[in-house]
Amino acid sequence: LVDARIPYSSHNPDIDELGRNKARLVLLNKADLADE
């Protein structure tokens, strides 16, 4: 889950390494507060 208002800053770069070779799904949460 990332905050849709700040997807870059709310992404934890550790997860890229931890999730290597795993399927990935990002949920842009709080999308109702973000610019569509």
PDB file of all heavy atoms in Angstrom:
ATOM      1  N   LEU A   1       0.846  -1.185   0.000  1.00  0.00           N
ATOM      2  CA  LEU A   1       0.000   0.000   0.000  1.00  0.00           C
ATOM      3  C   LEU A   1       0.882   1.235   0.000  1.00  0.00           C
ATOM      4  O   LEU A   1       1.856   1.321   0.767  1.00  0.00           O
ATOM      5  CB  LEU A   1      -0.913   0.034   1.224  1.00  0.00           C
ATOM      6  CG  LEU A   1      -2.234  -0.725   1.072  1.00  0.00           C
ATOM      7  CD1 LEU A   1      -2.006  -2.215   1.312  1.00  0.00           C
ATOM      8  CD2 LEU A   1      -3.285  -0.196   2.040  1.00  0.00           C
ATOM      9  N   VAL A   2       0.549   2.172  -0.871  1.00  0.00           N
ATOM     10  CA  VAL A   2       1.194   3.480  -0.862  1.00  0.00           C
ATOM     11  C   VAL A   2       0.107   4.537  -0.749  1.00  0.00           C
ATOM     12  O   VAL A   2      -1.066   4.271  -1.008  1.00  0.00           O
ATOM     13  CB  VAL A   2       2.043   3.724  -2.130  1.00  0.00           C
ATOM     14  CG1 VAL A   2       3.163   2.698  -2.239  1.00  0.00           C
ATOM     15  CG2 VAL A   2       1.192   3.723  -3.399  1.00  0.00           C
ATOM     16  N   ASP A   3       0.481   5.717  -0.330  1.00  0.00           N
ATOM     17  CA  ASP A   3      -0.445   6.847  -0.268  1.00  0.00           C
ATOM     18  C   ASP A   3      -0.526   7.443  -1.663  1.00  0.00           C
ATOM     19  O   ASP A   3       0.487   7.873  -2.225  1.00  0.00           O
ATOM     20  CB  ASP A   3       0.071   7.879   0.742  1.00  0.00           C
ATOM     21  CG  ASP A   3      -0.916   8.994   1.018  1.00  0.00           C
ATOM     22  OD1 ASP A   3      -1.557   9.487   0.065  1.00  0.00           O
ATOM     23  OD2 ASP A   3      -1.040   9.403   2.189  1.00  0.00           O
ATOM     24  N   ALA A   4      -1.720   7.465  -2.250  1.00  0.00           N
ATOM     25  CA  ALA A   4      -1.879   7.930  -3.629  1.00  0.00           C
ATOM     26  C   ALA A   4      -1.440   9.380  -3.818  1.00  0.00           C
ATOM     27  O   ALA A   4      -1.150   9.799  -4.939  1.00  0.00           O
ATOM     28  CB  ALA A   4      -3.338   7.773  -4.067  1.00  0.00           C
ATOM     29  N   ARG A   5      -1.371  10.151  -2.741  1.00  0.00           N
ATOM     30  CA  ARG A   5      -0.925  11.539  -2.857  1.00  0.00           C
ATOM     31  C   ARG A   5       0.591  11.634  -2.983  1.00  0.00           C
ATOM     32  O   ARG A   5       1.115  12.604  -3.522  1.00  0.00           O
ATOM     33  CB  ARG A   5      -1.413  12.342  -1.643  1.00  0.00           C
ATOM     34  CG  ARG A   5      -2.917  12.416  -1.523  1.00  0.00           C
ATOM     35  CD  ARG A   5      -3.346  12.910  -0.152  1.00  0.00           C
ATOM     36  NE  ARG A   5      -2.957  11.982   0.907  1.00  0.00           N
ATOM     37  CZ  ARG A   5      -3.172  12.163   2.202  1.00  0.00           C
ATOM     38  NH1 ARG A   5      -3.798  13.265   2.603  1.00  0.00           N
ATOM     39  NH2 ARG A   5      -2.799  11.259   3.098  1.00  0.00           N
ATOM     40  N   ILE A   6       1.301  10.610  -2.466  1.00  0.00           N
ATOM     41  CA  ILE A   6       2.767  10.607  -2.503  1.00  0.00           C
ATOM     42  C   ILE A   6       3.270   9.175  -2.777  1.00  0.00           C
ATOM     43  O   ILE A   6       3.967   8.584  -1.954  1.00  0.00           O
ATOM     44  CB  ILE A   6       3.377  11.151  -1.191  1.00  0.00           C
ATOM     45  CG1 ILE A   6       2.830  10.391   0.030  1.00  0.00           C
ATOM     46  CG2 ILE A   6       3.138  12.638  -1.051  1.00  0.00           C
ATOM     47  CD1 ILE A   6       3.647  10.627   1.306  1.00  0.00           C
ATOM     48  N   PRO A   7       2.955   8.605  -3.935  1.00  0.00           N
ATOM     49  CA  PRO A   7       3.348   7.217  -4.182  1.00  0.00           C
ATOM     50  C   PRO A   7       4.847   6.967  -4.122  1.00  0.00           C
ATOM     51  O   PRO A   7       5.288   5.894  -3.691  1.00  0.00           O
ATOM     52  CB  PRO A   7       2.801   6.949  -5.590  1.00  0.00           C
ATOM     53  CG  PRO A   7       1.661   7.906  -5.735  1.00  0.00           C
ATOM     54  CD  PRO A   7       2.123   9.139  -5.017  1.00  0.00           C
ATOM     55  N   TYR A   8       5.640   7.929  -4.557  1.00  0.00           N
ATOM     56  CA  TYR A   8       7.096   7.754  -4.530  1.00  0.00           C
ATOM     57  C   TYR A   8       7.624   7.774  -3.097  1.00  0.00           C
ATOM     58  O   TYR A   8       8.350   6.871  -2.679  1.00  0.00           O
ATOM     59  CB  TYR A   8       7.774   8.855  -5.352  1.00  0.00           C
ATOM     60  CG  TYR A   8       9.276   8.843  -5.246  1.00  0.00           C
ATOM     61  CD1 TYR A   8      10.028   7.838  -5.843  1.00  0.00           C
ATOM     62  CD2 TYR A   8       9.947   9.854  -4.545  1.00  0.00           C
ATOM     63  CE1 TYR A   8      11.419   7.832  -5.740  1.00  0.00           C
ATOM     64  CE2 TYR A   8      11.328   9.845  -4.442  1.00  0.00           C
ATOM     65  CZ  TYR A   8      12.056   8.838  -5.036  1.00  0.00           C
ATOM     66  OH  TYR A   8      13.430   8.826  -4.925  1.00  0.00           O
ATOM     67  N   SER A   9       7.242   8.781  -2.343  1.00  0.00           N
ATOM     68  CA  SER A   9       7.767   8.918  -0.982  1.00  0.00           C
ATOM     69  C   SER A   9       7.213   7.864  -0.032  1.00  0.00           C
ATOM     70  O   SER A   9       7.876   7.491   0.944  1.00  0.00           O
ATOM     71  CB  SER A   9       7.462  10.320  -0.433  1.00  0.00           C
ATOM     72  OG  SER A   9       8.192  11.300  -1.139  1.00  0.00           O
ATOM     73  N   SER A  10       5.999   7.380  -0.279  1.00  0.00           N
ATOM     74  CA  SER A  10       5.412   6.381   0.617  1.00  0.00           C
ATOM     75  C   SER A  10       5.751   4.952   0.205  1.00  0.00           C
ATOM     76  O   SER A  10       5.305   3.997   0.838  1.00  0.00           O
ATOM     77  CB  SER A  10       3.894   6.552   0.705  1.00  0.00           C
ATOM     78  OG  SER A  10       3.290   6.439  -0.573  1.00  0.00           O
ATOM     79  N   HIS A  11       6.542   4.802  -0.863  1.00  0.00           N
ATOM     80  CA  HIS A  11       7.055   3.483  -1.250  1.00  0.00           C
ATOM     81  C   HIS A  11       8.320   3.203  -0.469  1.00  0.00           C
ATOM     82  O   HIS A  11       9.229   4.035  -0.412  1.00  0.00           O
ATOM     83  CB  HIS A  11       7.348   3.457  -2.748  1.00  0.00           C
ATOM     84  CG  HIS A  11       8.228   2.320  -3.174  1.00  0.00           C
ATOM     85  ND1 HIS A  11       7.862   0.999  -3.028  1.00  0.00           N
ATOM     86  CD2 HIS A  11       9.476   2.309  -3.730  1.00  0.00           C
ATOM     87  CE1 HIS A  11       8.829   0.226  -3.481  1.00  0.00           C
ATOM     88  NE2 HIS A  11       9.828   0.997  -3.910  1.00  0.00           N
ATOM     89  N   ASN A  12       8.393   2.039   0.144  1.00  0.00           N
ATOM     90  CA  ASN A  12       9.593   1.644   0.865  1.00  0.00           C
ATOM     91  C   ASN A  12      10.520   0.909  -0.097  1.00  0.00           C
ATOM     92  O   ASN A  12      10.191  -0.181  -0.559  1.00  0.00           O
ATOM     93  CB  ASN A  12       9.222   0.729   2.039  1.00  0.00           C
ATOM     94  CG  ASN A  12      10.425   0.392   2.909  1.00  0.00           C
ATOM     95  OD1 ASN A  12      11.556   0.485   2.468  1.00  0.00           O
ATOM     96  ND2 ASN A  12      10.152  -0.002   4.132  1.00  0.00           N
ATOM     97  N   PRO A  13      11.676   1.475  -0.434  1.00  0.00           N
ATOM     98  CA  PRO A  13      12.567   0.822  -1.393  1.00  0.00           C
ATOM     99  C   PRO A  13      13.071  -0.543  -0.931  1.00  0.00           C
ATOM    100  O   PRO A  13      13.484  -1.357  -1.753  1.00  0.00           O
ATOM    101  CB  PRO A  13      13.722   1.824  -1.547  1.00  0.00           C
ATOM    102  CG  PRO A  13      13.634   2.718  -0.371  1.00  0.00           C
ATOM    103  CD  PRO A  13      12.191   2.781   0.025  1.00  0.00           C
ATOM    104  N   ASP A  14      13.014  -0.825   0.365  1.00  0.00           N
ATOM    105  CA  ASP A  14      13.383  -2.161   0.849  1.00  0.00           C
ATOM    106  C   ASP A  14      12.507  -3.234   0.214  1.00  0.00           C
ATOM    107  O   ASP A  14      12.942  -4.373   0.017  1.00  0.00           O
ATOM    108  CB  ASP A  14      13.230  -2.242   2.373  1.00  0.00           C
ATOM    109  CG  ASP A  14      14.291  -1.438   3.116  1.00  0.00           C
ATOM    110  OD1 ASP A  14      15.365  -1.205   2.534  1.00  0.00           O
ATOM    111  OD2 ASP A  14      14.046  -1.043   4.263  1.00  0.00           O
ATOM    112  N   ILE A  15      11.254  -2.888  -0.098  1.00  0.00           N
ATOM    113  CA  ILE A  15      10.317  -3.882  -0.621  1.00  0.00           C
ATOM    114  C   ILE A  15      10.726  -4.339  -2.025  1.00  0.00           C
ATOM    115  O   ILE A  15      10.460  -5.477  -2.419  1.00  0.00           O
ATOM    116  CB  ILE A  15       8.881  -3.328  -0.588  1.00  0.00           C
ATOM    117  CG1 ILE A  15       8.446  -3.185   0.876  1.00  0.00           C
ATOM    118  CG2 ILE A  15       7.905  -4.221  -1.348  1.00  0.00           C
ATOM    119  CD1 ILE A  15       7.107  -2.526   1.073  1.00  0.00           C
ATOM    120  N   ASP A  16      11.409  -3.467  -2.786  1.00  0.00           N
ATOM    121  CA  ASP A  16      11.890  -3.881  -4.101  1.00  0.00           C
ATOM    122  C   ASP A  16      12.858  -5.050  -3.979  1.00  0.00           C
ATOM    123  O   ASP A  16      12.814  -5.995  -4.770  1.00  0.00           O
ATOM    124  CB  ASP A  16      12.569  -2.704  -4.815  1.00  0.00           C
ATOM    125  CG  ASP A  16      11.588  -1.620  -5.205  1.00  0.00           C
ATOM    126  OD1 ASP A  16      10.408  -1.940  -5.428  1.00  0.00           O
ATOM    127  OD2 ASP A  16      11.998  -0.449  -5.270  1.00  0.00           O
ATOM    128  N   GLU A  17      13.730  -4.984  -2.983  1.00  0.00           N
ATOM    129  CA  GLU A  17      14.684  -6.062  -2.761  1.00  0.00           C
ATOM    130  C   GLU A  17      14.009  -7.270  -2.134  1.00  0.00           C
ATOM    131  O   GLU A  17      14.205  -8.412  -2.565  1.00  0.00           O
ATOM    132  CB  GLU A  17      15.826  -5.574  -1.859  1.00  0.00           C
ATOM    133  CG  GLU A  17      16.881  -6.626  -1.536  1.00  0.00           C
ATOM    134  CD  GLU A  17      17.650  -7.101  -2.764  1.00  0.00           C
ATOM    135  OE1 GLU A  17      17.763  -6.314  -3.727  1.00  0.00           O
ATOM    136  OE2 GLU A  17      18.122  -8.252  -2.763  1.00  0.00           O
ATOM    137  N   LEU A  18      13.178  -7.024  -1.127  1.00  0.00           N
ATOM    138  CA  LEU A  18      12.503  -8.126  -0.442  1.00  0.00           C
ATOM    139  C   LEU A  18      11.567  -8.883  -1.379  1.00  0.00           C
ATOM    140  O   LEU A  18      11.422 -10.099  -1.280  1.00  0.00           O
ATOM    141  CB  LEU A  18      11.703  -7.590   0.750  1.00  0.00           C
ATOM    142  CG  LEU A  18      12.503  -7.071   1.949  1.00  0.00           C
ATOM    143  CD1 LEU A  18      11.588  -6.337   2.912  1.00  0.00           C
ATOM    144  CD2 LEU A  18      13.217  -8.201   2.662  1.00  0.00           C
ATOM    145  N   GLY A  19      10.920  -8.158  -2.286  1.00  0.00           N
ATOM    146  CA  GLY A  19       9.918  -8.766  -3.149  1.00  0.00           C
ATOM    147  C   GLY A  19      10.436  -9.226  -4.494  1.00  0.00           C
ATOM    148  O   GLY A  19       9.644  -9.557  -5.379  1.00  0.00           O
ATOM    149  N   ARG A  20      11.741  -9.264  -4.647  1.00  0.00           N
ATOM    150  CA  ARG A  20      12.314  -9.724  -5.915  1.00  0.00           C
ATOM    151  C   ARG A  20      11.866 -11.163  -6.188  1.00  0.00           C
ATOM    152  O   ARG A  20      11.845 -11.999  -5.286  1.00  0.00           O
ATOM    153  CB  ARG A  20      13.832  -9.649  -5.854  1.00  0.00           C
ATOM    154  CG  ARG A  20      14.526  -9.997  -7.160  1.00  0.00           C
ATOM    155  CD  ARG A  20      16.017  -9.891  -7.032  1.00  0.00           C
ATOM    156  NE  ARG A  20      16.441  -8.507  -6.797  1.00  0.00           N
ATOM    157  CZ  ARG A  20      17.713  -8.152  -6.615  1.00  0.00           C
ATOM    158  NH1 ARG A  20      18.658  -9.068  -6.619  1.00  0.00           N
ATOM    159  NH2 ARG A  20      18.025  -6.876  -6.417  1.00  0.00           N
ATOM    160  N   ASN A  21      11.487 -11.426  -7.424  1.00  0.00           N
ATOM    161  CA  ASN A  21      11.019 -12.752  -7.862  1.00  0.00           C
ATOM    162  C   ASN A  21       9.641 -13.115  -7.302  1.00  0.00           C
ATOM    163  O   ASN A  21       9.226 -14.275  -7.402  1.00  0.00           O
ATOM    164  CB  ASN A  21      12.023 -13.856  -7.503  1.00  0.00           C
ATOM    165  CG  ASN A  21      13.383 -13.613  -8.130  1.00  0.00           C
ATOM    166  OD1 ASN A  21      13.466 -13.160  -9.265  1.00  0.00           O
ATOM    167  ND2 ASN A  21      14.446 -13.902  -7.388  1.00  0.00           N
ATOM    168  N   LYS A  22       8.958 -12.165  -6.728  1.00  0.00           N
ATOM    169  CA  LYS A  22       7.579 -12.369  -6.284  1.00  0.00           C
ATOM    170  C   LYS A  22       6.648 -11.521  -7.147  1.00  0.00           C
ATOM    171  O   LYS A  22       7.044 -10.469  -7.664  1.00  0.00           O
ATOM    172  CB  LYS A  22       7.405 -11.965  -4.805  1.00  0.00           C
ATOM    173  CG  LYS A  22       8.273 -12.739  -3.826  1.00  0.00           C
ATOM    174  CD  LYS A  22       7.820 -14.179  -3.695  1.00  0.00           C
ATOM    175  CE  LYS A  22       8.676 -14.928  -2.665  1.00  0.00           C
ATOM    176  NZ  LYS A  22       8.244 -16.333  -2.515  1.00  0.00           N
ATOM    177  N   ALA A  23       5.416 -11.979  -7.317  1.00  0.00           N
ATOM    178  CA  ALA A  23       4.427 -11.129  -7.974  1.00  0.00           C
ATOM    179  C   ALA A  23       4.209  -9.882  -7.132  1.00  0.00           C
ATOM    180  O   ALA A  23       4.302  -9.935  -5.896  1.00  0.00           O
ATOM    181  CB  ALA A  23       3.119 -11.889  -8.158  1.00  0.00           C
ATOM    182  N   ARG A  24       3.908  -8.751  -7.782  1.00  0.00           N
ATOM    183  CA  ARG A  24       3.792  -7.477  -7.063  1.00  0.00           C
ATOM    184  C   ARG A  24       2.465  -6.799  -7.410  1.00  0.00           C
ATOM    185  O   ARG A  24       2.039  -6.767  -8.568  1.00  0.00           O
ATOM    186  CB  ARG A  24       4.932  -6.540  -7.444  1.00  0.00           C
ATOM    187  CG  ARG A  24       6.326  -7.005  -7.055  1.00  0.00           C
ATOM    188  CD  ARG A  24       6.650  -6.686  -5.616  1.00  0.00           C
ATOM    189  NE  ARG A  24       6.557  -5.271  -5.358  1.00  0.00           N
ATOM    190  CZ  ARG A  24       7.543  -4.394  -5.639  1.00  0.00           C
ATOM    191  NH1 ARG A  24       8.665  -4.813  -6.201  1.00  0.00           N
ATOM    192  NH2 ARG A  24       7.395  -3.109  -5.361  1.00  0.00           N
ATOM    193  N   LEU A  25       1.850  -6.236  -6.391  1.00  0.00           N
ATOM    194  CA  LEU A  25       0.633  -5.446  -6.542  1.00  0.00           C
ATOM    195  C   LEU A  25       0.764  -4.206  -5.687  1.00  0.00           C
ATOM    196  O   LEU A  25       1.047  -4.308  -4.488  1.00  0.00           O
ATOM    197  CB  LEU A  25      -0.599  -6.254  -6.116  1.00  0.00           C
ATOM    198  CG  LEU A  25      -1.925  -5.494  -5.938  1.00  0.00           C
ATOM    199  CD1 LEU A  25      -2.343  -4.805  -7.225  1.00  0.00           C
ATOM    200  CD2 LEU A  25      -3.018  -6.443  -5.445  1.00  0.00           C
ATOM    201  N   VAL A  26       0.591  -3.040  -6.281  1.00  0.00           N
ATOM    202  CA  VAL A  26       0.598  -1.775  -5.544  1.00  0.00           C
ATOM    203  C   VAL A  26      -0.830  -1.271  -5.442  1.00  0.00           C
ATOM    204  O   VAL A  26      -1.550  -1.191  -6.447  1.00  0.00           O
ATOM    205  CB  VAL A  26       1.484  -0.720  -6.232  1.00  0.00           C
ATOM    206  CG1 VAL A  26       1.260   0.660  -5.611  1.00  0.00           C
ATOM    207  CG2 VAL A  26       2.955  -1.101  -6.124  1.00  0.00           C
ATOM    208  N   LEU A  27      -1.249  -0.960  -4.239  1.00  0.00           N
ATOM    209  CA  LEU A  27      -2.559  -0.372  -4.000  1.00  0.00           C
ATOM    210  C   LEU A  27      -2.382   1.114  -3.707  1.00  0.00           C
ATOM    211  O   LEU A  27      -1.733   1.480  -2.722  1.00  0.00           O
ATOM    212  CB  LEU A  27      -3.254  -1.059  -2.819  1.00  0.00           C
ATOM    213  CG  LEU A  27      -3.499  -2.563  -2.965  1.00  0.00           C
ATOM    214  CD1 LEU A  27      -4.190  -3.103  -1.718  1.00  0.00           C
ATOM    215  CD2 LEU A  27      -4.319  -2.876  -4.206  1.00  0.00           C
ATOM    216  N   LEU A  28      -2.928   1.949  -4.586  1.00  0.00           N
ATOM    217  CA  LEU A  28      -2.876   3.398  -4.388  1.00  0.00           C
ATOM    218  C   LEU A  28      -3.992   3.774  -3.427  1.00  0.00           C
ATOM    219  O   LEU A  28      -5.103   4.132  -3.829  1.00  0.00           O
ATOM    220  CB  LEU A  28      -3.033   4.120  -5.726  1.00  0.00           C
ATOM    221  CG  LEU A  28      -1.838   3.995  -6.683  1.00  0.00           C
ATOM    222  CD1 LEU A  28      -2.268   4.219  -8.114  1.00  0.00           C
ATOM    223  CD2 LEU A  28      -0.748   4.988  -6.298  1.00  0.00           C
ATOM    224  N   ASN A  29      -3.699   3.653  -2.134  1.00  0.00           N
ATOM    225  CA  ASN A  29      -4.718   3.901  -1.127  1.00  0.00           C
ATOM    226  C   ASN A  29      -4.943   5.404  -0.934  1.00  0.00           C
ATOM    227  O   ASN A  29      -4.097   6.217  -1.278  1.00  0.00           O
ATOM    228  CB  ASN A  29      -4.312   3.251   0.201  1.00  0.00           C
ATOM    229  CG  ASN A  29      -5.497   3.090   1.130  1.00  0.00           C
ATOM    230  OD1 ASN A  29      -6.645   2.979   0.691  1.00  0.00           O
ATOM    231  ND2 ASN A  29      -5.245   3.077   2.427  1.00  0.00           N
ATOM    232  N   LYS A  30      -6.096   5.733  -0.397  1.00  0.00           N
ATOM    233  CA  LYS A  30      -6.503   7.131  -0.219  1.00  0.00           C
ATOM    234  C   LYS A  30      -6.612   7.824  -1.577  1.00  0.00           C
ATOM    235  O   LYS A  30      -6.408   9.042  -1.686  1.00  0.00           O
ATOM    236  CB  LYS A  30      -5.550   7.869   0.718  1.00  0.00           C
ATOM    237  CG  LYS A  30      -5.365   7.168   2.064  1.00  0.00           C
ATOM    238  CD  LYS A  30      -4.453   7.905   3.009  1.00  0.00           C
ATOM    239  CE  LYS A  30      -4.239   7.106   4.297  1.00  0.00           C
ATOM    240  NZ  LYS A  30      -3.378   7.787   5.275  1.00  0.00           N
ATOM    241  N   ALA A  31      -6.949   7.041  -2.606  1.00  0.00           N
ATOM    242  CA  ALA A  31      -7.065   7.600  -3.961  1.00  0.00           C
ATOM    243  C   ALA A  31      -8.161   8.646  -4.047  1.00  0.00           C
ATOM    244  O   ALA A  31      -8.134   9.509  -4.927  1.00  0.00           O
ATOM    245  CB  ALA A  31      -7.321   6.480  -4.967  1.00  0.00           C
ATOM    246  N   ASP A  32      -9.132   8.581  -3.135  1.00  0.00           N
ATOM    247  CA  ASP A  32     -10.212   9.567  -3.114  1.00  0.00           C
ATOM    248  C   ASP A  32      -9.714  10.949  -2.706  1.00  0.00           C
ATOM    249  O   ASP A  32     -10.364  11.956  -2.987  1.00  0.00           O
ATOM    250  CB  ASP A  32     -11.311   9.119  -2.152  1.00  0.00           C
ATOM    251  CG  ASP A  32     -10.791   8.925  -0.738  1.00  0.00           C
ATOM    252  OD1 ASP A  32      -9.777   8.203  -0.564  1.00  0.00           O
ATOM    253  OD2 ASP A  32     -11.383   9.488   0.205  1.00  0.00           O
ATOM    254  N   LEU A  33      -8.549  11.001  -2.032  1.00  0.00           N
ATOM    255  CA  LEU A  33      -7.971  12.283  -1.619  1.00  0.00           C
ATOM    256  C   LEU A  33      -7.002  12.826  -2.661  1.00  0.00           C
ATOM    257  O   LEU A  33      -6.560  13.967  -2.563  1.00  0.00           O
ATOM    258  CB  LEU A  33      -7.224  12.121  -0.289  1.00  0.00           C
ATOM    259  CG  LEU A  33      -8.048  11.653   0.914  1.00  0.00           C
ATOM    260  CD1 LEU A  33      -7.150  11.459   2.130  1.00  0.00           C
ATOM    261  CD2 LEU A  33      -9.168  12.648   1.228  1.00  0.00           C
ATOM    262  N   ALA A  34      -6.664  11.986  -3.643  1.00  0.00           N
ATOM    263  CA  ALA A  34      -5.644  12.338  -4.631  1.00  0.00           C
ATOM    264  C   ALA A  34      -6.282  12.804  -5.936  1.00  0.00           C
ATOM    265  O   ALA A  34      -7.410  12.453  -6.261  1.00  0.00           O
ATOM    266  CB  ALA A  34      -4.729  11.146  -4.874  1.00  0.00           C
ATOM    267  N   ASP A  35      -5.502  13.557  -6.689  1.00  0.00           N
ATOM    268  CA  ASP A  35      -5.889  14.072  -7.995  1.00  0.00           C
ATOM    269  C   ASP A  35      -6.126  12.888  -8.939  1.00  0.00           C
ATOM    270  O   ASP A  35      -5.225  12.086  -9.179  1.00  0.00           O
ATOM    271  CB  ASP A  35      -4.738  14.951  -8.494  1.00  0.00           C
ATOM    272  CG  ASP A  35      -5.041  15.684  -9.774  1.00  0.00           C
ATOM    273  OD1 ASP A  35      -5.692  15.093 -10.660  1.00  0.00           O
ATOM    274  OD2 ASP A  35      -4.602  16.833  -9.913  1.00  0.00           O
ATOM    275  N   GLU A  36      -7.329  12.769  -9.499  1.00  0.00           N
ATOM    276  CA  GLU A  36      -7.667  11.588 -10.300  1.00  0.00           C
ATOM    277  C   GLU A  36      -6.793  11.474 -11.554  1.00  0.00           C
ATOM    278  O   GLU A  36      -6.392  10.361 -11.938  1.00  0.00           O
ATOM    279  CB  GLU A  36      -9.142  11.609 -10.699  1.00  0.00           C
ATOM    280  CG  GLU A  36      -9.580  10.451 -11.576  1.00  0.00           C
ATOM    281  CD  GLU A  36      -9.325   9.077 -10.972  1.00  0.00           C
ATOM    282  OE1 GLU A  36      -9.160   8.964  -9.741  1.00  0.00           O
ATOM    283  OE2 GLU A  36      -9.275   8.103 -11.743  1.00  0.00           O
TER     284      GLU A  36
END
